[in-house]
Amino acid sequence: MLMIQGLLILTAGMGLVIVFLVTMILVMNASAVIIPRFNHLLPDPVAKKVNRPPVAASAGSADVAVAIAAVVARQRA
């Protein structure tokens, strides 16, 4: 009797999970069809492109690049 009750609870629980998952899939598919129809009401904001002037390399940047290359070369050796 206890085994039958356990199997009944197992079946009811698994059935409830399957019903929930199927319902969730149906709602998601329906929203994928419905939401694009109303996308014109709240359009996505367009990112503004900022034009920045190019940064000129300073005299010290060459020294930094040489130092970094020396450290990398020493670590590999």
C-alpha atoms as a PDB file:
ATOM      1  CA  MET A   1       0.000   0.000   0.000  1.00  0.00           C
ATOM      2  CA  LEU A   2       2.832   2.390   0.869  1.00  0.00           C
ATOM      3  CA  MET A   3       4.589   1.614  -2.411  1.00  0.00           C
ATOM      4  CA  ILE A   4       1.429   2.405  -4.392  1.00  0.00           C
ATOM      5  CA  GLN A   5       1.035   5.738  -2.604  1.00  0.00           C
ATOM      6  CA  GLY A   6       4.660   6.579  -3.372  1.00  0.00           C
ATOM      7  CA  LEU A   7       4.200   5.774  -7.049  1.00  0.00           C
ATOM      8  CA  LEU A   8       1.013   7.841  -7.122  1.00  0.00           C
ATOM      9  CA  ILE A   9       2.788  10.874  -5.648  1.00  0.00           C
ATOM     10  CA  LEU A  10       5.705  10.336  -8.065  1.00  0.00           C
ATOM     11  CA  THR A  11       3.361  10.206 -11.055  1.00  0.00           C
ATOM     12  CA  ALA A  12       1.391  13.241  -9.916  1.00  0.00           C
ATOM     13  CA  GLY A  13       4.573  15.256  -9.360  1.00  0.00           C
ATOM     14  CA  MET A  14       6.120  14.319 -12.698  1.00  0.00           C
ATOM     15  CA  GLY A  15       2.825  15.002 -14.477  1.00  0.00           C
ATOM     16  CA  LEU A  16       2.628  18.441 -12.891  1.00  0.00           C
ATOM     17  CA  VAL A  17       6.182  19.257 -13.999  1.00  0.00           C
ATOM     18  CA  ILE A  18       5.483  18.111 -17.565  1.00  0.00           C
ATOM     19  CA  VAL A  19       2.282  20.172 -17.713  1.00  0.00           C
ATOM     20  CA  PHE A  20       4.181  23.223 -16.437  1.00  0.00           C
ATOM     21  CA  LEU A  21       6.992  22.793 -18.972  1.00  0.00           C
ATOM     22  CA  VAL A  22       4.620  22.320 -21.901  1.00  0.00           C
ATOM     23  CA  THR A  23       2.645  25.386 -20.802  1.00  0.00           C
ATOM     24  CA  MET A  24       5.859  27.417 -20.514  1.00  0.00           C
ATOM     25  CA  ILE A  25       6.955  26.390 -24.029  1.00  0.00           C
ATOM     26  CA  LEU A  26       3.555  27.332 -25.476  1.00  0.00           C
ATOM     27  CA  VAL A  27       3.580  30.724 -23.744  1.00  0.00           C
ATOM     28  CA  MET A  28       7.134  31.460 -24.918  1.00  0.00           C
ATOM     29  CA  ASN A  29       6.296  30.541 -28.521  1.00  0.00           C
ATOM     30  CA  ALA A  30       3.143  32.663 -28.402  1.00  0.00           C
ATOM     31  CA  SER A  31       5.056  35.632 -26.983  1.00  0.00           C
ATOM     32  CA  ALA A  32       7.683  35.258 -29.720  1.00  0.00           C
ATOM     33  CA  VAL A  33       4.896  35.747 -32.253  1.00  0.00           C
ATOM     34  CA  ILE A  34       2.966  38.490 -30.433  1.00  0.00           C
ATOM     35  CA  ILE A  35       5.767  40.735 -29.106  1.00  0.00           C
ATOM     36  CA  PRO A  36       7.311  41.682 -32.501  1.00  0.00           C
ATOM     37  CA  ARG A  37       3.899  43.023 -33.585  1.00  0.00           C
ATOM     38  CA  PHE A  38       4.072  45.659 -30.829  1.00  0.00           C
ATOM     39  CA  ASN A  39       7.793  46.406 -31.117  1.00  0.00           C
ATOM     40  CA  HIS A  40       7.070  49.739 -32.805  1.00  0.00           C
ATOM     41  CA  LEU A  41       5.557  51.043 -29.554  1.00  0.00           C
ATOM     42  CA  LEU A  42       8.803  50.699 -27.590  1.00  0.00           C
ATOM     43  CA  PRO A  43      11.693  50.595 -30.069  1.00  0.00           C
ATOM     44  CA  ASP A  44      15.195  49.762 -28.932  1.00  0.00           C
ATOM     45  CA  PRO A  45      17.385  52.818 -28.363  1.00  0.00           C
ATOM     46  CA  VAL A  46      19.983  53.422 -31.046  1.00  0.00           C
ATOM     47  CA  ALA A  47      23.498  53.727 -29.688  1.00  0.00           C
ATOM     48  CA  LYS A  48      25.165  56.980 -30.637  1.00  0.00           C
ATOM     49  CA  LYS A  49      28.612  56.624 -32.084  1.00  0.00           C
ATOM     50  CA  VAL A  50      31.096  58.958 -30.439  1.00  0.00           C
ATOM     51  CA  ASN A  51      33.800  60.246 -32.764  1.00  0.00           C
ATOM     52  CA  ARG A  52      36.949  60.625 -30.729  1.00  0.00           C
ATOM     53  CA  PRO A  53      40.126  62.037 -32.164  1.00  0.00           C
ATOM     54  CA  PRO A  54      42.960  59.514 -32.466  1.00  0.00           C
ATOM     55  CA  VAL A  55      45.375  59.533 -29.576  1.00  0.00           C
ATOM     56  CA  ALA A  56      48.926  60.293 -30.596  1.00  0.00           C
ATOM     57  CA  ALA A  57      51.597  58.005 -29.204  1.00  0.00           C
ATOM     58  CA  SER A  58      53.860  59.731 -26.738  1.00  0.00           C
ATOM     59  CA  ALA A  59      57.625  59.351 -26.630  1.00  0.00           C
ATOM     60  CA  GLY A  60      57.381  57.230 -23.483  1.00  0.00           C
ATOM     61  CA  SER A  61      55.125  54.634 -25.083  1.00  0.00           C
ATOM     62  CA  ALA A  62      58.018  53.176 -27.095  1.00  0.00           C
ATOM     63  CA  ASP A  63      60.006  52.720 -23.885  1.00  0.00           C
ATOM     64  CA  VAL A  64      57.057  50.993 -22.249  1.00  0.00           C
ATOM     65  CA  ALA A  65      56.672  48.656 -25.224  1.00  0.00           C
ATOM     66  CA  VAL A  66      60.364  47.725 -25.068  1.00  0.00           C
ATOM     67  CA  ALA A  67      60.116  47.049 -21.331  1.00  0.00           C
ATOM     68  CA  ILE A  68      57.066  44.836 -21.771  1.00  0.00           C
ATOM     69  CA  ALA A  69      58.751  42.902 -24.588  1.00  0.00           C
ATOM     70  CA  ALA A  70      61.830  42.372 -22.410  1.00  0.00           C
ATOM     71  CA  VAL A  71      59.732  41.021 -19.522  1.00  0.00           C
ATOM     72  CA  VAL A  72      57.837  38.659 -21.833  1.00  0.00           C
ATOM     73  CA  ALA A  73      61.066  37.427 -23.407  1.00  0.00           C
ATOM     74  CA  ARG A  74      62.613  36.815 -19.980  1.00  0.00           C
ATOM     75  CA  GLN A  75      59.543  34.883 -18.779  1.00  0.00           C
ATOM     76  CA  ARG A  76      59.686  32.571 -21.810  1.00  0.00           C
ATOM     77  CA  ALA A  77      63.385  31.839 -21.369  1.00  0.00           C
END
